């Protein structure tokens, strides 16, 4: 993987330089050197970013399945809208996120990147998507990083 691809993939999943440095047990400047091409990227570090992208793909697929289930069970006279949880700070994420409480990998920036990707896919399907920082019901209880629910 070249440096540009590595950086683009890290940014796509919302992983900060700081978060990657912590996961790789290196200094932030080392991550910046990998991304500039000044140092080769170790295979195990590439794997961290690839795994994050695979997790993001799983989250998007799960969210889409939740939408389909919601849409299929909604009464005919109810307009289905999608509200996605968007974290406003790391403190809020750590305090209120089921994912954080369960020790799920990632941080609030990654959770928000997953939410944006879910929104993009849903909007491409012609769905109306809104973001909210309010509490949303979490059904089913599987951690998702993006929550869908029926809004009035």
Protein backbone atom coordinates (compact mmCIF):
# COMPACT_ATOMS: atom_id res chain seq x y z
CA UNK A 1 0.00 0.00 0.00
CA UNK A 2 1.43 3.39 -0.89
CA UNK A 3 1.44 6.38 1.45
CA UNK A 4 -1.43 8.21 -0.26
CA UNK A 5 -3.69 5.14 -0.17
CA UNK A 6 -2.81 4.55 3.47
CA UNK A 7 -3.71 8.11 4.44
CA UNK A 8 -6.90 8.12 2.38
CA UNK A 9 -8.02 4.87 3.97
CA UNK A 10 -7.24 6.18 7.50
CA UNK A 11 -9.22 9.35 6.80
CA UNK A 12 -12.10 7.43 5.21
CA UNK A 13 -12.67 5.49 8.42
CA UNK A 14 -12.29 8.65 10.52
CA UNK A 15 -9.19 7.44 12.33
CA UNK A 16 -7.11 10.33 13.62
CA UNK A 17 -3.32 10.37 13.46
CA UNK A 18 -3.37 10.28 17.26
CA UNK A 19 -5.66 7.25 17.37
CA UNK A 20 -3.57 5.33 14.84
CA UNK A 21 -0.37 6.20 16.68
CA UNK A 22 -1.88 4.84 19.90
CA UNK A 23 -3.06 1.65 18.21
CA UNK A 24 0.34 1.14 16.54
CA UNK A 25 2.26 2.07 19.73
CA UNK A 26 4.26 4.79 17.95
CA UNK A 27 4.60 8.55 18.05
CA UNK A 28 2.29 10.70 15.91
CA UNK A 29 5.30 11.89 13.90
CA UNK A 30 5.90 8.27 12.83
CA UNK A 31 2.39 8.10 11.36
CA UNK A 32 3.04 11.38 9.54
CA UNK A 33 6.28 9.94 8.13
CA UNK A 34 4.43 6.87 6.85
CA UNK A 35 1.83 9.10 5.22
CA UNK A 36 4.43 11.32 3.59
CA UNK A 37 6.27 8.32 2.18
CA UNK A 38 9.39 9.08 4.21
CA UNK A 39 9.19 5.68 5.94
CA UNK A 40 7.73 2.37 4.79
CA UNK A 41 4.43 1.40 6.39
CA UNK A 42 4.73 -1.80 8.43
CA UNK A 43 2.34 -4.58 7.39
CA UNK A 44 0.80 -4.78 10.87
CA UNK A 45 -0.02 -1.06 10.74
CA UNK A 46 -1.57 -1.42 7.29
CA UNK A 47 -3.67 -4.20 8.83
CA UNK A 48 -4.97 -1.83 11.55
CA UNK A 49 -6.36 0.53 8.90
CA UNK A 50 -7.65 -2.28 6.67
CA UNK A 51 -9.42 -3.85 9.67
CA UNK A 52 -11.03 -0.50 10.48
CA UNK A 53 -12.30 -0.24 6.89
CA UNK A 54 -13.68 -3.78 7.05
CA UNK A 55 -15.45 -2.90 10.32
CA UNK A 56 -16.87 0.21 8.68
CA UNK A 57 -18.18 -1.93 5.81
CA UNK A 58 -19.88 -4.22 8.37
CA UNK A 59 -21.44 -1.23 10.14
CA UNK A 60 -22.82 0.15 6.88
CA UNK A 61 -24.25 -3.24 5.91
CA UNK A 62 -25.82 -3.60 9.37
CA UNK A 63 -27.31 -0.10 9.19
CA UNK A 64 -28.77 -0.79 5.76
CA UNK A 65 -30.32 -4.03 7.03
CA UNK A 66 -31.84 -2.09 9.95
CA UNK A 67 -33.28 0.45 7.53
CA UNK A 68 -34.81 -2.28 5.39
CA UNK A 69 -36.35 -3.91 8.46
CA UNK A 70 -37.71 -0.55 9.63
CA UNK A 71 -39.12 0.26 6.23
CA UNK A 72 -40.70 -3.17 5.82
CA UNK A 73 -42.46 -3.01 9.22
CA UNK A 74 -43.62 0.62 9.08
CA UNK A 75 -47.37 1.16 8.67
CA UNK A 76 -48.35 2.32 5.19
CA UNK A 77 -49.53 5.70 6.47
CA UNK A 78 -46.23 6.51 8.20
CA UNK A 79 -43.43 8.25 6.33
CA UNK A 80 -40.13 6.61 7.14
CA UNK A 81 -37.28 9.00 7.85
CA UNK A 82 -33.85 8.08 9.03
CA UNK A 83 -32.11 9.81 11.93
CA UNK A 84 -28.46 8.99 12.44
CA UNK A 85 -26.62 9.58 15.70
CA UNK A 86 -23.78 12.09 15.34
CA UNK A 87 -21.41 12.62 18.25
CA UNK A 88 -20.53 16.21 19.16
CA UNK A 89 -17.47 15.43 21.29
CA UNK A 90 -15.24 12.65 22.52
CA UNK A 91 -16.54 13.20 26.07
CA UNK A 92 -20.13 12.70 24.91
CA UNK A 93 -19.17 9.56 22.99
CA UNK A 94 -17.38 8.05 25.99
CA UNK A 95 -20.26 8.91 28.32
CA UNK A 96 -23.21 7.86 26.16
CA UNK A 97 -22.05 5.39 23.52
CA UNK A 98 -22.84 1.72 23.93
CA UNK A 99 -19.91 1.01 21.63
CA UNK A 100 -17.49 2.87 23.91
CA UNK A 101 -18.97 1.22 27.01
CA UNK A 102 -18.45 -2.20 25.43
CA UNK A 103 -14.87 -1.33 24.54
CA UNK A 104 -15.48 -1.38 20.80
CA UNK A 105 -12.48 -0.36 18.74
CA UNK A 106 -12.34 3.20 17.55
CA UNK A 107 -13.31 6.61 18.78
CA UNK A 108 -15.95 9.23 18.22
CA UNK A 109 -14.37 10.45 14.98
CA UNK A 110 -14.52 6.92 13.59
CA UNK A 111 -18.12 6.57 14.75
CA UNK A 112 -19.01 9.80 12.95
CA UNK A 113 -17.19 8.67 9.80
CA UNK A 114 -19.29 5.50 9.85
CA UNK A 115 -22.42 7.60 10.27
CA UNK A 116 -21.49 9.81 7.30
CA UNK A 117 -20.83 6.76 5.15
CA UNK A 118 -24.18 5.24 6.13
CA UNK A 119 -25.89 8.52 5.27
CA UNK A 120 -24.19 8.68 1.88
CA UNK A 121 -25.31 5.16 0.97
CA UNK A 122 -28.87 5.78 2.17
CA UNK A 123 -29.07 9.12 0.34
CA UNK A 124 -27.81 7.40 -2.82
CA UNK A 125 -30.82 5.09 -2.40
CA UNK A 126 -33.06 8.18 -2.36
CA UNK A 127 -33.72 8.21 1.39
CA UNK A 128 -34.02 11.32 3.50
CA UNK A 129 -31.40 11.30 6.25
CA UNK A 130 -31.02 13.65 9.19
CA UNK A 131 -28.38 13.78 11.89
CA UNK A 132 -29.09 14.16 15.57
CA UNK A 133 -27.08 14.43 18.76
CA UNK A 134 -30.11 13.39 20.81
CA UNK A 135 -30.42 9.96 22.39
CA UNK A 136 -31.83 7.40 20.00
CA UNK A 137 -33.29 4.01 20.76
CA UNK A 138 -30.82 1.22 20.03
CA UNK A 139 -32.54 -1.77 18.48
CA UNK A 140 -31.28 -4.39 18.27
CA UNK A 141 -28.69 -4.11 21.02
CA UNK A 142 -25.76 -4.98 18.76
CA UNK A 143 -23.33 -2.03 18.80
CA UNK A 144 -23.55 -0.25 15.46
CA UNK A 145 -21.95 3.20 15.70
CA UNK A 146 -24.89 4.44 13.63
CA UNK A 147 -28.48 4.17 14.77
CA UNK A 148 -31.59 4.32 12.62
CA UNK A 149 -35.09 4.95 13.92
CA UNK A 150 -38.49 6.18 12.88
CA UNK A 151 -39.00 9.91 13.37
CA UNK A 152 -42.29 11.82 13.19
